Amino acid sequence: MRWDRLFDDLEARMAAQSRLELDAEVAERTRLERARITLGERLAGAVGAGVALRLRGGAVVRGQVEDSGDGWVLLVEDGGRQLLVPVAAVLGISGLGRPRDDTRSRRFGLGSAVRGVSRDRRAVVVRDVDGGAVHGTIDAVGADAFDVAEHPLDSPRRPENVRGERVIPFAAVAMIAST
């Protein structure tokens, strides 16, 4: 009888040790899987969610995640204004939620997204990472910078309304807001 209790005790200890090892393995695999999830993938999984972004230059913007890609996120504010934000300008995100396994961000980068804004020919406000702003229309988009024809937001892009031209490097952009 004493032997039975000894064997039962040994068996219980082995089962407990196996459970601990399995729990540790599951926890490690979970950490490894989470370590592979990029911020872009988390943003892609948050489409439709309301978030707040704190940006370089001091701005805080709020809206629903409409789209995201390689290095950028597109928000829509309550009033319908679209905000194209480079991820490099984001200092923090509130409301993002937990990562999802079933989403992947778009492969095209910020340049492609800015080209899309340029094709629309809508007036934009470009906020830089130091808090400055430029108003106008994006005329051309290069590999790492774009040209803005500066004019008042309430005036169309016509030669008589253009006050100047500015080249803005992608690295300087905190946000591009379309009107």
N, C-alpha and C. Protein backbone atom coordinates (compact mmCIF):
# COMPACT_ATOMS: atom_id res chain seq x y z
N MET A 1 0.82 -1.17 0.00
CA MET A 1 0.00 0.00 0.00
C MET A 1 0.87 1.25 0.00
N ARG A 2 1.95 1.26 0.78
CA ARG A 2 2.84 2.40 0.80
C ARG A 2 3.47 2.60 -0.57
N TRP A 3 3.75 1.49 -1.25
CA TRP A 3 4.33 1.59 -2.59
C TRP A 3 3.35 2.26 -3.56
N ASP A 4 2.08 1.93 -3.44
CA ASP A 4 1.06 2.52 -4.32
C ASP A 4 1.02 4.04 -4.14
N ARG A 5 1.07 4.46 -2.86
CA ARG A 5 1.05 5.91 -2.60
C ARG A 5 2.31 6.58 -3.14
N LEU A 6 3.44 5.94 -3.00
CA LEU A 6 4.70 6.47 -3.51
C LEU A 6 4.64 6.62 -5.02
N PHE A 7 4.15 5.56 -5.69
CA PHE A 7 4.05 5.60 -7.16
C PHE A 7 3.03 6.66 -7.61
N ASP A 8 1.92 6.77 -6.89
CA ASP A 8 0.91 7.79 -7.23
C ASP A 8 1.50 9.19 -7.06
N ASP A 9 2.26 9.37 -5.98
CA ASP A 9 2.88 10.66 -5.72
C ASP A 9 3.90 10.99 -6.82
N LEU A 10 4.73 10.03 -7.21
CA LEU A 10 5.70 10.25 -8.28
C LEU A 10 5.00 10.57 -9.60
N GLU A 11 3.94 9.85 -9.88
CA GLU A 11 3.18 10.08 -11.11
C GLU A 11 2.55 11.48 -11.11
N ALA A 12 2.02 11.92 -9.99
CA ALA A 12 1.44 13.25 -9.88
C ALA A 12 2.50 14.33 -10.07
N ARG A 13 3.68 14.10 -9.49
CA ARG A 13 4.76 15.07 -9.65
C ARG A 13 5.20 15.17 -11.11
N MET A 14 5.29 14.02 -11.78
CA MET A 14 5.68 14.01 -13.19
C MET A 14 4.63 14.72 -14.04
N ALA A 15 3.36 14.50 -13.76
CA ALA A 15 2.28 15.16 -14.51
C ALA A 15 2.33 16.67 -14.29
N ALA A 16 2.56 17.08 -13.05
CA ALA A 16 2.65 18.51 -12.74
C ALA A 16 3.84 19.14 -13.46
N GLN A 17 4.97 18.44 -13.46
CA GLN A 17 6.15 18.94 -14.15
C GLN A 17 5.89 19.05 -15.66
N SER A 18 5.22 18.07 -16.23
CA SER A 18 4.88 18.10 -17.65
C SER A 18 3.98 19.28 -17.97
N ARG A 19 2.99 19.55 -17.09
CA ARG A 19 2.10 20.69 -17.29
C ARG A 19 2.89 22.00 -17.24
N LEU A 20 3.81 22.12 -16.29
CA LEU A 20 4.62 23.33 -16.19
C LEU A 20 5.48 23.54 -17.45
N GLU A 21 6.07 22.46 -17.93
CA GLU A 21 6.89 22.55 -19.14
C GLU A 21 6.04 22.93 -20.35
N LEU A 22 4.85 22.36 -20.47
CA LEU A 22 3.95 22.69 -21.57
C LEU A 22 3.52 24.14 -21.48
N ASP A 23 3.17 24.61 -20.29
CA ASP A 23 2.78 26.01 -20.11
C ASP A 23 3.91 26.95 -20.49
N ALA A 24 5.12 26.61 -20.11
CA ALA A 24 6.28 27.44 -20.44
C ALA A 24 6.51 27.45 -21.95
N GLU A 25 6.34 26.31 -22.61
CA GLU A 25 6.53 26.23 -24.06
C GLU A 25 5.47 27.05 -24.79
N VAL A 26 4.22 26.97 -24.35
CA VAL A 26 3.14 27.75 -24.97
C VAL A 26 3.41 29.24 -24.79
N ALA A 27 3.82 29.65 -23.61
CA ALA A 27 4.12 31.06 -23.35
C ALA A 27 5.26 31.54 -24.24
N GLU A 28 6.30 30.73 -24.39
CA GLU A 28 7.43 31.11 -25.24
C GLU A 28 7.01 31.22 -26.71
N ARG A 29 6.22 30.27 -27.18
CA ARG A 29 5.75 30.33 -28.58
C ARG A 29 4.87 31.55 -28.80
N THR A 30 4.04 31.90 -27.82
CA THR A 30 3.20 33.09 -27.93
C THR A 30 4.06 34.34 -28.02
N ARG A 31 5.10 34.42 -27.19
CA ARG A 31 6.02 35.58 -27.24
C ARG A 31 6.71 35.66 -28.59
N LEU A 32 7.14 34.53 -29.13
CA LEU A 32 7.80 34.52 -30.44
C LEU A 32 6.86 34.95 -31.55
N GLU A 33 5.62 34.48 -31.52
CA GLU A 33 4.65 34.88 -32.54
C GLU A 33 4.35 36.36 -32.46
N ARG A 34 4.19 36.89 -31.26
CA ARG A 34 3.93 38.33 -31.10
C ARG A 34 5.12 39.15 -31.56
N ALA A 35 6.31 38.64 -31.36
CA ALA A 35 7.52 39.37 -31.75
C ALA A 35 7.61 39.54 -33.27
N ARG A 36 6.91 38.73 -34.02
CA ARG A 36 6.93 38.80 -35.48
C ARG A 36 5.88 39.75 -36.04
N ILE A 37 4.97 40.23 -35.22
CA ILE A 37 3.89 41.11 -35.69
C ILE A 37 4.41 42.54 -35.74
N THR A 38 4.34 43.13 -36.93
CA THR A 38 4.80 44.51 -37.10
C THR A 38 3.69 45.49 -36.73
N LEU A 39 4.08 46.73 -36.51
CA LEU A 39 3.09 47.77 -36.25
C LEU A 39 2.17 47.93 -37.45
N GLY A 40 2.71 47.79 -38.65
CA GLY A 40 1.88 47.87 -39.87
C GLY A 40 0.80 46.80 -39.88
N GLU A 41 1.15 45.60 -39.45
CA GLU A 41 0.16 44.52 -39.39
C GLU A 41 -0.90 44.81 -38.32
N ARG A 42 -0.47 45.39 -37.21
CA ARG A 42 -1.45 45.76 -36.18
C ARG A 42 -2.39 46.84 -36.69
N LEU A 43 -1.84 47.81 -37.42
CA LEU A 43 -2.68 48.86 -37.99
C LEU A 43 -3.63 48.29 -39.03
N ALA A 44 -3.15 47.36 -39.85
CA ALA A 44 -4.02 46.72 -40.85
C ALA A 44 -5.15 45.97 -40.16
N GLY A 45 -4.87 45.39 -39.02
CA GLY A 45 -5.90 44.68 -38.26
C GLY A 45 -6.86 45.60 -37.54
N ALA A 46 -6.54 46.88 -37.50
CA ALA A 46 -7.38 47.85 -36.79
C ALA A 46 -8.29 48.64 -37.73
N VAL A 47 -8.39 48.23 -39.00
CA VAL A 47 -9.24 48.97 -39.94
C VAL A 47 -10.65 49.06 -39.36
N GLY A 48 -11.17 50.28 -39.33
CA GLY A 48 -12.49 50.53 -38.77
C GLY A 48 -12.47 50.95 -37.31
N ALA A 49 -11.34 50.77 -36.65
CA ALA A 49 -11.24 51.12 -35.23
C ALA A 49 -10.92 52.60 -35.07
N GLY A 50 -11.43 53.20 -34.02
CA GLY A 50 -11.09 54.58 -33.69
C GLY A 50 -9.81 54.61 -32.89
N VAL A 51 -8.86 55.44 -33.33
CA VAL A 51 -7.57 55.55 -32.65
C VAL A 51 -7.20 57.02 -32.49
N ALA A 52 -6.26 57.27 -31.62
CA ALA A 52 -5.65 58.60 -31.46
C ALA A 52 -4.15 58.41 -31.66
N LEU A 53 -3.56 59.25 -32.51
CA LEU A 53 -2.12 59.20 -32.77
C LEU A 53 -1.47 60.46 -32.22
N ARG A 54 -0.42 60.28 -31.44
CA ARG A 54 0.39 61.41 -31.01
C ARG A 54 1.57 61.47 -31.96
N LEU A 55 1.73 62.63 -32.61
CA LEU A 55 2.73 62.76 -33.67
C LEU A 55 3.91 63.62 -33.25
N ARG A 56 5.02 63.43 -33.93
CA ARG A 56 6.15 64.33 -33.76
C ARG A 56 5.68 65.73 -34.11
N GLY A 57 6.16 66.72 -33.41
CA GLY A 57 5.72 68.08 -33.63
C GLY A 57 4.60 68.48 -32.70
N GLY A 58 4.10 67.54 -31.88
CA GLY A 58 3.13 67.87 -30.86
C GLY A 58 1.67 67.65 -31.21
N ALA A 59 1.35 67.33 -32.45
CA ALA A 59 -0.06 67.15 -32.83
C ALA A 59 -0.60 65.82 -32.32
N VAL A 60 -1.88 65.83 -31.99
CA VAL A 60 -2.62 64.60 -31.69
C VAL A 60 -3.80 64.57 -32.65
N VAL A 61 -3.93 63.49 -33.41
CA VAL A 61 -5.03 63.36 -34.36
C VAL A 61 -5.85 62.13 -34.00
N ARG A 62 -7.16 62.22 -34.27
CA ARG A 62 -8.07 61.13 -33.95
C ARG A 62 -8.90 60.80 -35.18
N GLY A 63 -9.19 59.53 -35.34
CA GLY A 63 -10.04 59.11 -36.44
C GLY A 63 -10.12 57.61 -36.52
N GLN A 64 -10.82 57.14 -37.55
CA GLN A 64 -10.92 55.71 -37.78
C GLN A 64 -9.85 55.29 -38.77
N VAL A 65 -9.24 54.15 -38.50
CA VAL A 65 -8.24 53.61 -39.43
C VAL A 65 -8.99 53.14 -40.68
N GLU A 66 -8.66 53.76 -41.82
CA GLU A 66 -9.30 53.38 -43.07
C GLU A 66 -8.43 52.42 -43.87
N ASP A 67 -7.11 52.61 -43.79
CA ASP A 67 -6.19 51.78 -44.57
C ASP A 67 -4.81 51.93 -43.97
N SER A 68 -3.91 51.05 -44.35
CA SER A 68 -2.52 51.18 -43.93
C SER A 68 -1.64 50.44 -44.92
N GLY A 69 -0.37 50.77 -44.90
CA GLY A 69 0.57 50.13 -45.81
C GLY A 69 1.95 50.12 -45.20
N ASP A 70 2.93 49.95 -46.05
CA ASP A 70 4.31 49.87 -45.61
C ASP A 70 4.80 51.25 -45.17
N GLY A 71 4.67 51.54 -43.87
CA GLY A 71 5.17 52.79 -43.33
C GLY A 71 4.16 53.91 -43.27
N TRP A 72 2.87 53.65 -43.45
CA TRP A 72 1.86 54.71 -43.40
C TRP A 72 0.53 54.16 -42.90
N VAL A 73 -0.31 55.09 -42.42
CA VAL A 73 -1.67 54.76 -42.01
C VAL A 73 -2.58 55.90 -42.47
N LEU A 74 -3.78 55.53 -42.92
CA LEU A 74 -4.76 56.51 -43.36
C LEU A 74 -5.91 56.54 -42.37
N LEU A 75 -6.13 57.72 -41.76
CA LEU A 75 -7.23 57.92 -40.82
C LEU A 75 -8.30 58.78 -41.47
N VAL A 76 -9.55 58.60 -41.02
CA VAL A 76 -10.63 59.48 -41.43
C VAL A 76 -11.21 60.09 -40.16
N GLU A 77 -11.18 61.43 -40.10
CA GLU A 77 -11.74 62.14 -38.95
C GLU A 77 -13.26 62.12 -39.03
N ASP A 78 -13.91 62.48 -37.93
CA ASP A 78 -15.37 62.49 -37.88
C ASP A 78 -15.98 63.34 -38.99
N GLY A 79 -15.37 64.44 -39.34
CA GLY A 79 -15.88 65.31 -40.39
C GLY A 79 -15.61 64.81 -41.80
N GLY A 80 -14.91 63.69 -41.93
CA GLY A 80 -14.63 63.14 -43.25
C GLY A 80 -13.25 63.47 -43.80
N ARG A 81 -12.51 64.35 -43.14
CA ARG A 81 -11.17 64.70 -43.62
C ARG A 81 -10.26 63.50 -43.48
N GLN A 82 -9.47 63.23 -44.52
CA GLN A 82 -8.53 62.10 -44.50
C GLN A 82 -7.15 62.58 -44.08
N LEU A 83 -6.48 61.76 -43.27
CA LEU A 83 -5.15 62.07 -42.78
C LEU A 83 -4.21 60.94 -43.15
N LEU A 84 -3.23 61.23 -43.98
CA LEU A 84 -2.20 60.26 -44.33
C LEU A 84 -1.03 60.51 -43.40
N VAL A 85 -0.68 59.52 -42.58
CA VAL A 85 0.33 59.70 -41.54
C VAL A 85 1.46 58.68 -41.72
N PRO A 86 2.70 59.15 -41.90
CA PRO A 86 3.83 58.22 -41.92
C PRO A 86 4.01 57.61 -40.53
N VAL A 87 4.22 56.33 -40.46
CA VAL A 87 4.39 55.66 -39.17
C VAL A 87 5.62 56.21 -38.45
N ALA A 88 6.62 56.65 -39.19
CA ALA A 88 7.84 57.19 -38.57
C ALA A 88 7.55 58.46 -37.78
N ALA A 89 6.43 59.14 -38.05
CA ALA A 89 6.08 60.36 -37.33
C ALA A 89 5.23 60.09 -36.10
N VAL A 90 4.82 58.84 -35.90
CA VAL A 90 3.95 58.49 -34.79
C VAL A 90 4.77 58.22 -33.54
N LEU A 91 4.42 58.91 -32.45
CA LEU A 91 5.09 58.70 -31.18
C LEU A 91 4.32 57.76 -30.27
N GLY A 92 3.03 57.62 -30.51
CA GLY A 92 2.21 56.74 -29.69
C GLY A 92 0.82 56.60 -30.27
N ILE A 93 0.18 55.46 -29.99
CA ILE A 93 -1.16 55.17 -30.50
C ILE A 93 -2.03 54.72 -29.35
N SER A 94 -3.20 55.33 -29.23
CA SER A 94 -4.19 54.89 -28.25
C SER A 94 -5.37 54.28 -28.99
N GLY A 95 -5.91 53.18 -28.45
CA GLY A 95 -7.08 52.55 -29.03
C GLY A 95 -6.80 51.50 -30.07
N LEU A 96 -5.53 51.09 -30.21
CA LEU A 96 -5.17 50.14 -31.26
C LEU A 96 -5.69 48.74 -30.98
N GLY A 97 -5.71 48.34 -29.74
CA GLY A 97 -6.20 47.00 -29.42
C GLY A 97 -5.15 45.93 -29.62
N ARG A 98 -5.58 44.70 -29.42
CA ARG A 98 -4.69 43.54 -29.53
C ARG A 98 -4.41 43.20 -30.99
N PRO A 99 -3.24 42.62 -31.27
CA PRO A 99 -2.94 42.22 -32.64
C PRO A 99 -3.81 41.06 -33.09
N ARG A 100 -4.09 41.03 -34.39
CA ARG A 100 -4.85 39.92 -34.98
C ARG A 100 -3.93 39.13 -35.89
N ASP A 101 -4.20 37.85 -36.01
CA ASP A 101 -3.35 36.98 -36.82
C ASP A 101 -3.68 37.03 -38.30
N ASP A 102 -4.89 37.45 -38.66
CA ASP A 102 -5.38 37.27 -40.01
C ASP A 102 -5.20 38.48 -40.93
N THR A 103 -4.38 39.44 -40.56
CA THR A 103 -4.25 40.63 -41.39
C THR A 103 -2.80 40.86 -41.78
N ARG A 104 -2.64 41.46 -42.92
CA ARG A 104 -1.32 41.87 -43.41
C ARG A 104 -1.46 43.26 -43.99
N SER A 105 -0.45 44.10 -43.78
CA SER A 105 -0.51 45.46 -44.33
C SER A 105 -0.19 45.43 -45.82
N ARG A 106 -0.59 46.49 -46.49
CA ARG A 106 -0.28 46.61 -47.92
C ARG A 106 1.22 46.73 -48.10
N ARG A 107 1.68 46.29 -49.24
CA ARG A 107 3.12 46.31 -49.49
C ARG A 107 3.63 47.65 -50.00
N PHE A 108 2.75 48.46 -50.60
CA PHE A 108 3.27 49.70 -51.16
C PHE A 108 3.53 50.73 -50.08
N GLY A 109 4.52 51.56 -50.34
CA GLY A 109 5.02 52.48 -49.33
C GLY A 109 4.37 53.84 -49.36
N LEU A 110 4.95 54.75 -48.60
CA LEU A 110 4.43 56.10 -48.45
C LEU A 110 4.39 56.83 -49.78
N GLY A 111 5.40 56.66 -50.62
CA GLY A 111 5.43 57.34 -51.91
C GLY A 111 4.21 57.02 -52.76
N SER A 112 3.81 55.76 -52.78
CA SER A 112 2.62 55.38 -53.54
C SER A 112 1.36 56.01 -52.96
N ALA A 113 1.27 56.06 -51.64
CA ALA A 113 0.11 56.68 -51.00
C ALA A 113 0.06 58.18 -51.30
N VAL A 114 1.21 58.86 -51.28
CA VAL A 114 1.25 60.30 -51.59
C VAL A 114 0.91 60.52 -53.07
N ARG A 115 1.34 59.61 -53.94
CA ARG A 115 0.97 59.72 -55.36
C ARG A 115 -0.54 59.65 -55.53
N GLY A 116 -1.20 58.81 -54.73
CA GLY A 116 -2.66 58.73 -54.76
C GLY A 116 -3.31 60.05 -54.38
N VAL A 117 -2.77 60.71 -53.36
CA VAL A 117 -3.28 62.02 -52.94
C VAL A 117 -3.03 63.03 -54.06
N SER A 118 -1.87 62.97 -54.69
CA SER A 118 -1.52 63.89 -55.77
C SER A 118 -2.46 63.73 -56.96
N ARG A 119 -2.81 62.50 -57.30
CA ARG A 119 -3.72 62.25 -58.43
C ARG A 119 -5.09 62.89 -58.21
N ASP A 120 -5.54 62.96 -56.95
CA ASP A 120 -6.85 63.56 -56.64
C ASP A 120 -6.86 65.07 -56.86
N ARG A 121 -5.67 65.71 -56.84
CA ARG A 121 -5.53 67.16 -57.04
C ARG A 121 -6.29 67.99 -56.02
N ARG A 122 -6.53 67.41 -54.85
CA ARG A 122 -7.19 68.15 -53.78
C ARG A 122 -6.17 68.96 -53.00
N ALA A 123 -6.63 70.06 -52.44
CA ALA A 123 -5.77 70.87 -51.59
C ALA A 123 -5.47 70.08 -50.31
N VAL A 124 -4.26 70.24 -49.82
CA VAL A 124 -3.83 69.52 -48.63
C VAL A 124 -3.13 70.47 -47.66
N VAL A 125 -3.06 70.02 -46.40
CA VAL A 125 -2.22 70.67 -45.40
C VAL A 125 -1.16 69.64 -45.04
N VAL A 126 0.09 70.00 -45.23
CA VAL A 126 1.20 69.11 -44.87
C VAL A 126 1.80 69.64 -43.58
N ARG A 127 1.71 68.83 -42.53
CA ARG A 127 2.31 69.18 -41.23
C ARG A 127 3.66 68.48 -41.15
N ASP A 128 4.68 69.23 -40.76
CA ASP A 128 5.99 68.61 -40.63
C ASP A 128 6.25 68.16 -39.19
N VAL A 129 7.32 67.45 -38.99
CA VAL A 129 7.61 66.86 -37.68
C VAL A 129 7.97 67.90 -36.62
N ASP A 130 8.21 69.15 -37.03
CA ASP A 130 8.47 70.22 -36.07
C ASP A 130 7.24 71.06 -35.78
N GLY A 131 6.10 70.71 -36.38
CA GLY A 131 4.86 71.43 -36.13
C GLY A 131 4.50 72.47 -37.17
N GLY A 132 5.35 72.69 -38.17
CA GLY A 132 5.06 73.65 -39.23
C GLY A 132 4.02 73.10 -40.20
N ALA A 133 3.45 73.99 -41.01
CA ALA A 133 2.43 73.58 -41.96
C ALA A 133 2.61 74.27 -43.30
N VAL A 134 2.25 73.55 -44.36
CA VAL A 134 2.26 74.08 -45.72
C VAL A 134 0.89 73.77 -46.31
N HIS A 135 0.28 74.77 -46.98
CA HIS A 135 -1.02 74.58 -47.63
C HIS A 135 -0.81 74.59 -49.14
N GLY A 136 -1.49 73.70 -49.83
CA GLY A 136 -1.39 73.73 -51.28
C GLY A 136 -1.81 72.42 -51.92
N THR A 137 -1.26 72.19 -53.10
CA THR A 137 -1.58 70.99 -53.88
C THR A 137 -0.28 70.26 -54.19
N ILE A 138 -0.29 68.95 -54.05
CA ILE A 138 0.90 68.15 -54.38
C ILE A 138 0.99 68.05 -55.89
N ASP A 139 2.10 68.55 -56.44
CA ASP A 139 2.29 68.55 -57.89
C ASP A 139 3.02 67.32 -58.40
N ALA A 140 4.05 66.89 -57.69
CA ALA A 140 4.87 65.76 -58.15
C ALA A 140 5.40 65.00 -56.94
N VAL A 141 5.59 63.69 -57.15
CA VAL A 141 6.08 62.85 -56.06
C VAL A 141 7.28 62.06 -56.57
N GLY A 142 8.40 62.21 -55.86
CA GLY A 142 9.61 61.48 -56.20
C GLY A 142 9.79 60.26 -55.30
N ALA A 143 11.01 59.75 -55.27
CA ALA A 143 11.31 58.55 -54.48
C ALA A 143 11.31 58.83 -52.98
N ASP A 144 11.74 60.03 -52.59
CA ASP A 144 11.84 60.33 -51.16
C ASP A 144 11.39 61.74 -50.79
N ALA A 145 10.74 62.43 -51.74
CA ALA A 145 10.26 63.79 -51.49
C ALA A 145 9.13 64.10 -52.47
N PHE A 146 8.40 65.17 -52.18
CA PHE A 146 7.34 65.59 -53.10
C PHE A 146 7.29 67.11 -53.17
N ASP A 147 6.71 67.63 -54.26
CA ASP A 147 6.60 69.06 -54.50
C ASP A 147 5.19 69.53 -54.18
N VAL A 148 5.11 70.66 -53.48
CA VAL A 148 3.82 71.25 -53.16
C VAL A 148 3.78 72.66 -53.76
N ALA A 149 2.71 72.94 -54.52
CA ALA A 149 2.44 74.29 -54.99
C ALA A 149 1.67 74.97 -53.86
N GLU A 150 2.27 75.97 -53.24
CA GLU A 150 1.66 76.61 -52.08
C GLU A 150 0.59 77.61 -52.52
N HIS A 151 -0.62 77.43 -51.97
CA HIS A 151 -1.73 78.36 -52.23
C HIS A 151 -2.73 78.23 -51.09
N PRO A 152 -3.60 79.23 -50.91
CA PRO A 152 -4.61 79.13 -49.85
C PRO A 152 -5.52 77.93 -50.08
N LEU A 153 -5.97 77.32 -48.97
CA LEU A 153 -6.83 76.14 -49.08
C LEU A 153 -8.15 76.45 -49.76
N ASP A 154 -8.63 77.67 -49.63
CA ASP A 154 -9.93 78.00 -50.22
C ASP A 154 -9.83 78.50 -51.66
N SER A 155 -8.63 78.45 -52.23
CA SER A 155 -8.43 78.86 -53.62
C SER A 155 -7.95 77.66 -54.44
N PRO A 156 -8.42 77.55 -55.69
CA PRO A 156 -7.95 76.44 -56.52
C PRO A 156 -6.49 76.65 -56.92
N ARG A 157 -5.86 75.57 -57.34
CA ARG A 157 -4.47 75.66 -57.77
C ARG A 157 -4.44 76.26 -59.18
N ARG A 158 -4.29 77.55 -59.22
CA ARG A 158 -4.18 78.30 -60.47
C ARG A 158 -2.91 79.14 -60.37
N PRO A 159 -2.28 79.44 -61.49
CA PRO A 159 -1.03 80.22 -61.44
C PRO A 159 -1.14 81.50 -60.61
N GLU A 160 -2.27 82.17 -60.70
CA GLU A 160 -2.41 83.44 -59.96
C GLU A 160 -2.55 83.23 -58.45
N ASN A 161 -2.90 82.00 -58.01
CA ASN A 161 -3.05 81.73 -56.58
C ASN A 161 -1.80 81.11 -55.94
N VAL A 162 -0.91 80.59 -56.77
CA VAL A 162 0.29 79.92 -56.25
C VAL A 162 1.28 80.96 -55.74
N ARG A 163 1.64 80.82 -54.44
CA ARG A 163 2.57 81.75 -53.79
C ARG A 163 4.01 81.26 -53.83
N GLY A 164 4.17 79.98 -54.07
CA GLY A 164 5.52 79.42 -54.11
C GLY A 164 5.47 77.91 -54.28
N GLU A 165 6.62 77.33 -54.43
CA GLU A 165 6.76 75.88 -54.56
C GLU A 165 7.68 75.41 -53.45
N ARG A 166 7.36 74.27 -52.87
CA ARG A 166 8.20 73.74 -51.81
C ARG A 166 8.41 72.25 -52.04
N VAL A 167 9.64 71.81 -51.81
CA VAL A 167 9.96 70.38 -51.86
C VAL A 167 10.02 69.89 -50.42
N ILE A 168 9.27 68.80 -50.13
CA ILE A 168 9.21 68.29 -48.76
C ILE A 168 9.68 66.84 -48.74
N PRO A 169 10.74 66.55 -48.00
CA PRO A 169 11.20 65.16 -47.87
C PRO A 169 10.18 64.33 -47.08
N PHE A 170 10.01 63.08 -47.46
CA PHE A 170 9.10 62.19 -46.73
C PHE A 170 9.46 62.15 -45.25
N ALA A 171 10.74 62.18 -44.94
CA ALA A 171 11.19 62.07 -43.55
C ALA A 171 10.73 63.25 -42.69
N ALA A 172 10.37 64.37 -43.33
CA ALA A 172 9.94 65.56 -42.58
C ALA A 172 8.44 65.59 -42.35
N VAL A 173 7.68 64.66 -42.94
CA VAL A 173 6.22 64.71 -42.88
C VAL A 173 5.69 64.04 -41.61
N ALA A 174 4.85 64.78 -40.89
CA ALA A 174 4.12 64.21 -39.75
C ALA A 174 2.73 63.79 -40.19
N MET A 175 2.14 64.53 -41.18
CA MET A 175 0.77 64.24 -41.59
C MET A 175 0.45 65.02 -42.86
N ILE A 176 -0.33 64.39 -43.73
CA ILE A 176 -0.88 65.09 -44.90
C ILE A 176 -2.40 65.00 -44.74
N ALA A 177 -3.05 66.15 -44.58
CA ALA A 177 -4.50 66.19 -44.40
C ALA A 177 -5.14 66.73 -45.67
N SER A 178 -6.07 65.97 -46.23
CA SER A 178 -6.79 66.44 -47.40
C SER A 178 -8.02 67.20 -46.98
N THR A 179 -8.40 68.19 -47.77
CA THR A 179 -9.58 68.98 -47.45
C THR A 179 -10.81 68.45 -48.15
